[in-house]
Amino acid sequence: MSEPHQTHMVFVDIDPEDEAAFDDWYNNTHLPDILACPGWLDARREKCLEGGPAHVAIYTITGPEAYETPEFAAIKGFGPFTDKIRNFRRVRLTKS
């Protein structure tokens, strides 16, 4: 039996003056780049209403091997917004 897929979640804040450009980059560049990487199966973005950083990206991955590909190494991170990201948090989940 194969291992269950895992959920990879990223939480960040960004200043309001950078938010529109960040959203455009994330939706139109970063998500397609991530989904082109082996092991990254699905992605969506949400807004956190309370209790955490405002921007949330939720990914379905095959497992920890998804982090180890050269394709992922080439595109991981926040690109042109690296120095503008605050309150970065990452959470990985699996079914119990």
Protein backbone atom coordinates (compact mmCIF):
# COMPACT_ATOMS: atom_id res chain seq x y z
CA MET A 1 0.00 0.00 0.00
CA SER A 2 1.37 3.43 -0.88
CA GLU A 3 2.00 6.13 1.70
CA PRO A 4 -0.73 8.79 1.99
CA HIS A 5 -0.10 12.13 0.41
CA GLN A 6 1.04 14.91 2.67
CA THR A 7 -0.12 18.49 3.04
CA HIS A 8 2.47 21.27 2.99
CA MET A 9 1.23 24.64 4.26
CA VAL A 10 3.03 27.97 4.13
CA PHE A 11 1.94 31.03 6.13
CA VAL A 12 3.35 34.54 5.54
CA ASP A 13 2.60 38.21 5.96
CA ILE A 14 3.58 40.94 3.55
CA ASP A 15 3.11 44.70 3.81
CA PRO A 16 -0.11 46.02 2.24
CA GLU A 17 1.78 48.09 -0.34
CA ASP A 18 3.38 44.89 -1.72
CA GLU A 19 0.30 42.68 -1.46
CA ALA A 20 -1.13 43.10 -4.98
CA ALA A 21 2.23 42.44 -6.66
CA PHE A 22 2.88 39.48 -4.34
CA ASP A 23 -0.54 37.97 -5.10
CA ASP A 24 0.04 38.39 -8.84
CA TRP A 25 3.49 36.75 -8.65
CA TYR A 26 2.29 33.93 -6.39
CA ASN A 27 -0.78 33.09 -8.48
CA ASN A 28 0.70 33.52 -11.95
CA THR A 29 4.35 32.53 -11.51
CA HIS A 30 5.03 30.66 -8.29
CA LEU A 31 2.06 28.27 -8.21
CA PRO A 32 2.55 27.13 -11.84
CA ASP A 33 6.29 26.69 -11.17
CA ILE A 34 5.61 24.63 -8.03
CA LEU A 35 3.02 22.44 -9.75
CA ALA A 36 5.51 21.71 -12.54
CA CYS A 37 7.85 20.11 -9.97
CA PRO A 38 7.76 16.34 -9.43
CA GLY A 39 5.80 15.39 -6.33
CA TRP A 40 3.75 18.62 -6.08
CA LEU A 41 0.20 17.56 -6.91
CA ASP A 42 -2.15 20.40 -6.02
CA ALA A 43 -2.05 23.95 -4.69
CA ARG A 44 -4.41 26.62 -3.51
CA ARG A 45 -4.21 29.89 -1.61
CA GLU A 46 -6.37 31.12 1.24
CA LYS A 47 -6.51 34.16 3.53
CA CYS A 48 -6.20 33.53 7.25
CA LEU A 49 -8.98 35.34 9.09
CA GLU A 50 -7.47 35.01 12.56
CA GLY A 51 -4.66 33.40 14.50
CA GLY A 52 -1.83 33.52 12.03
CA PRO A 53 -0.12 35.20 9.10
CA ALA A 54 -2.61 36.42 6.50
CA HIS A 55 -1.41 34.54 3.41
CA VAL A 56 -1.72 30.76 3.35
CA ALA A 57 -0.68 28.40 0.57
CA ILE A 58 -1.85 24.80 0.87
CA TYR A 59 -0.14 22.13 -1.22
CA THR A 60 -0.67 18.41 -1.65
CA ILE A 61 2.64 16.58 -2.10
CA THR A 62 3.58 12.95 -2.57
CA GLY A 63 5.92 13.03 0.43
CA PRO A 64 9.29 14.36 1.58
CA GLU A 65 10.91 13.42 -1.73
CA ALA A 66 9.08 16.39 -3.31
CA TYR A 67 11.53 18.70 -1.50
CA GLU A 68 14.59 16.94 -2.91
CA THR A 69 14.25 17.49 -6.66
CA PRO A 70 16.43 19.89 -8.64
CA GLU A 71 13.26 21.44 -10.08
CA PHE A 72 12.02 22.38 -6.60
CA ALA A 73 15.46 23.60 -5.50
CA ALA A 74 15.49 25.97 -8.50
CA ILE A 75 12.18 27.69 -7.65
CA LYS A 76 11.59 27.37 -3.90
CA GLY A 77 11.27 30.49 -1.83
CA PHE A 78 9.65 33.84 -2.43
CA GLY A 79 11.55 35.09 -5.47
CA PRO A 80 11.45 38.88 -5.76
CA PHE A 81 9.60 39.13 -2.41
CA THR A 82 12.17 37.33 -0.26
CA ASP A 83 13.17 40.48 1.61
CA LYS A 84 9.53 41.55 2.08
CA ILE A 85 8.19 38.38 3.75
CA ARG A 86 7.42 38.43 7.47
CA ASN A 87 6.12 35.84 9.95
CA PHE A 88 7.02 32.88 7.73
CA ARG A 89 5.73 29.57 9.03
CA ARG A 90 5.64 26.13 7.42
CA VAL A 91 3.51 23.18 8.55
CA ARG A 92 3.49 19.65 7.16
CA LEU A 93 0.57 17.30 7.78
CA THR A 94 -0.18 13.69 7.00
CA LYS A 95 -3.25 11.57 7.61
CA SER A 96 -3.16 9.57 10.81
